[in-house]
C-alpha atoms as a PDB file:
ATOM      1  CA  MET A   1      -7.292 -10.439  18.300  1.00  0.00           C
ATOM      2  CA  ILE A   2      -4.390  -9.988  15.897  1.00  0.00           C
ATOM      3  CA  LYS A   3      -1.196  -8.567  17.436  1.00  0.00           C
ATOM      4  CA  PRO A   4       1.237  -7.093  14.870  1.00  0.00           C
ATOM      5  CA  ASN A   5       4.968  -7.513  15.467  1.00  0.00           C
ATOM      6  CA  ASN A   6       7.366  -4.678  16.389  1.00  0.00           C
ATOM      7  CA  ASP A   7       6.637  -1.503  14.386  1.00  0.00           C
ATOM      8  CA  VAL A   8       3.704  -2.735  12.282  1.00  0.00           C
ATOM      9  CA  VAL A   9       0.315  -0.977  12.268  1.00  0.00           C
ATOM     10  CA  LEU A  10      -2.910  -2.571  10.941  1.00  0.00           C
ATOM     11  CA  ILE A  11      -5.262  -0.040   9.344  1.00  0.00           C
ATOM     12  CA  ARG A  12      -8.904  -0.398   8.282  1.00  0.00           C
ATOM     13  CA  VAL A  13      -8.879   1.646   5.074  1.00  0.00           C
ATOM     14  CA  ASP A  14     -11.636   4.192   4.442  1.00  0.00           C
ATOM     15  CA  GLY A  15     -14.049   3.428   1.617  1.00  0.00           C
ATOM     16  CA  VAL A  16     -13.386   3.897  -2.065  1.00  0.00           C
ATOM     17  CA  LYS A  17     -13.946   7.395  -3.384  1.00  0.00           C
ATOM     18  CA  THR A  18     -16.702   7.234  -6.020  1.00  0.00           C
ATOM     19  CA  GLU A  19     -16.838  10.908  -6.971  1.00  0.00           C
ATOM     20  CA  ASP A  20     -14.371  13.764  -7.053  1.00  0.00           C
ATOM     21  CA  ASP A  21     -14.568  17.013  -5.080  1.00  0.00           C
ATOM     22  CA  MET A  22     -16.738  18.589  -7.782  1.00  0.00           C
ATOM     23  CA  GLY A  23     -19.298  15.762  -7.723  1.00  0.00           C
ATOM     24  CA  ILE A  24     -18.146  14.056 -10.929  1.00  0.00           C
ATOM     25  CA  LEU A  25     -18.554  10.265 -10.723  1.00  0.00           C
ATOM     26  CA  ILE A  26     -15.372   8.198 -10.984  1.00  0.00           C
ATOM     27  CA  THR A  27     -15.601   4.995 -12.994  1.00  0.00           C
ATOM     28  CA  GLU A  28     -14.581   1.729 -11.286  1.00  0.00           C
ATOM     29  CA  GLN A  29     -11.477   1.573 -13.482  1.00  0.00           C
ATOM     30  CA  TRP A  30     -10.096   4.764 -11.872  1.00  0.00           C
ATOM     31  CA  GLN A  31     -11.374   4.279  -8.322  1.00  0.00           C
ATOM     32  CA  ASP A  32      -8.705   3.781  -5.722  1.00  0.00           C
ATOM     33  CA  ARG A  33      -8.678   3.100  -1.986  1.00  0.00           C
ATOM     34  CA  GLN A  34      -7.951   6.171   0.049  1.00  0.00           C
ATOM     35  CA  PRO A  35      -4.643   6.396   1.954  1.00  0.00           C
ATOM     36  CA  THR A  36      -6.611   7.108   5.136  1.00  0.00           C
ATOM     37  CA  GLY A  37      -8.158   4.846   7.714  1.00  0.00           C
ATOM     38  CA  GLU A  38      -8.548   3.799  11.337  1.00  0.00           C
ATOM     39  CA  VAL A  39      -5.861   1.994  13.320  1.00  0.00           C
ATOM     40  CA  VAL A  40      -7.176  -1.408  14.451  1.00  0.00           C
ATOM     41  CA  ALA A  41      -3.980  -2.914  15.974  1.00  0.00           C
ATOM     42  CA  ILE A  42      -0.384  -1.857  16.681  1.00  0.00           C
ATOM     43  CA  GLY A  43       2.904  -3.563  17.464  1.00  0.00           C
ATOM     44  CA  ASP A  44       4.838  -3.016  20.699  1.00  0.00           C
ATOM     45  CA  ASP A  45       7.289  -0.508  19.123  1.00  0.00           C
ATOM     46  CA  VAL A  46       4.601   1.899  17.841  1.00  0.00           C
ATOM     47  CA  ALA A  47       4.248   5.193  19.707  1.00  0.00           C
ATOM     48  CA  CYS A  48       3.079   7.503  16.892  1.00  0.00           C
ATOM     49  CA  CYS A  49      -0.540   6.362  17.047  1.00  0.00           C
ATOM     50  CA  LYS A  50      -2.937   4.235  19.049  1.00  0.00           C
ATOM     51  CA  VAL A  51      -5.859   1.933  18.283  1.00  0.00           C
ATOM     52  CA  GLY A  52      -8.838   4.011  17.147  1.00  0.00           C
ATOM     53  CA  ASP A  53      -6.771   6.877  15.692  1.00  0.00           C
ATOM     54  CA  LYS A  54      -7.568   8.096  12.179  1.00  0.00           C
ATOM     55  CA  VAL A  55      -4.361   8.138  10.108  1.00  0.00           C
ATOM     56  CA  PHE A  56      -3.050   9.275   6.745  1.00  0.00           C
ATOM     57  CA  PHE A  57      -0.456   6.781   5.461  1.00  0.00           C
ATOM     58  CA  GLU A  58       1.808   6.294   2.465  1.00  0.00           C
ATOM     59  CA  ARG A  59      -0.187   4.347  -0.085  1.00  0.00           C
ATOM     60  CA  TYR A  60       2.678   2.379  -1.605  1.00  0.00           C
ATOM     61  CA  THR A  61       4.372   1.366   1.643  1.00  0.00           C
ATOM     62  CA  SER A  62       1.349  -0.534   2.941  1.00  0.00           C
ATOM     63  CA  ILE A  63       0.424  -4.076   1.944  1.00  0.00           C
ATOM     64  CA  ASP A  64      -2.785  -6.099   1.722  1.00  0.00           C
ATOM     65  CA  THR A  65      -3.437  -8.614   4.484  1.00  0.00           C
ATOM     66  CA  PRO A  66      -5.362 -11.885   4.608  1.00  0.00           C
ATOM     67  CA  PHE A  67      -7.701 -10.326   7.214  1.00  0.00           C
ATOM     68  CA  GLY A  68      -9.998  -8.660   4.705  1.00  0.00           C
ATOM     69  CA  GLU A  69      -9.787  -6.426   1.691  1.00  0.00           C
ATOM     70  CA  ASP A  70     -10.097  -3.295   3.815  1.00  0.00           C
ATOM     71  CA  ILE A  71      -7.269  -4.145   6.283  1.00  0.00           C
ATOM     72  CA  ARG A  72      -3.751  -3.066   5.326  1.00  0.00           C
ATOM     73  CA  ALA A  73      -0.432  -3.425   7.151  1.00  0.00           C
ATOM     74  CA  CYS A  74       2.019  -0.542   7.317  1.00  0.00           C
ATOM     75  CA  ARG A  75       5.230   0.116   9.270  1.00  0.00           C
ATOM     76  CA  LYS A  76       5.117   3.057  11.686  1.00  0.00           C
ATOM     77  CA  ASP A  77       7.413   5.028   9.367  1.00  0.00           C
ATOM     78  CA  GLY A  78       4.652   4.924   6.745  1.00  0.00           C
ATOM     79  CA  ILE A  79       2.222   6.825   8.973  1.00  0.00           C
ATOM     80  CA  ILE A  80       2.280  10.451   7.826  1.00  0.00           C
ATOM     81  CA  ALA A  81      -0.226  12.013  10.236  1.00  0.00           C
ATOM     82  CA  THR A  82      -3.055  11.352  12.659  1.00  0.00           C
ATOM     83  CA  TYR A  83      -6.253  13.403  12.542  1.00  0.00           C
ATOM     84  CA  LYS A  84      -9.813  13.656  13.795  1.00  0.00           C
ATOM     85  CA  ASP A  85     -12.863  13.619  11.511  1.00  0.00           C
ATOM     86  CA  GLY A  86     -13.664  17.166  10.501  1.00  0.00           C
ATOM     87  CA  ASP A  87     -10.074  18.431  10.819  1.00  0.00           C
ATOM     88  CA  ALA A  88      -9.197  20.944   8.096  1.00  0.00           C
ATOM     89  CA  LEU A  89      -5.798  21.853   6.760  1.00  0.00           C
END
């Protein structure tokens, strides 16, 4: 198991969005990974979330990792919110 250092969070990013909210298909050129996902590992200094939480994170503060295309690393300050599936704003 991978153990991130200090305030780092590893996130398994949710799938790529292939259509917009109105059902219009998005071409591959414009598809982007969503800034949401599930926490898979946390460092010792992280208290804002736990493994298994669904999180919304800042897209441009996270980085790719060598652990797979869908795993990103983010500092705890880049976590904007935690949520449960089905939560509405």
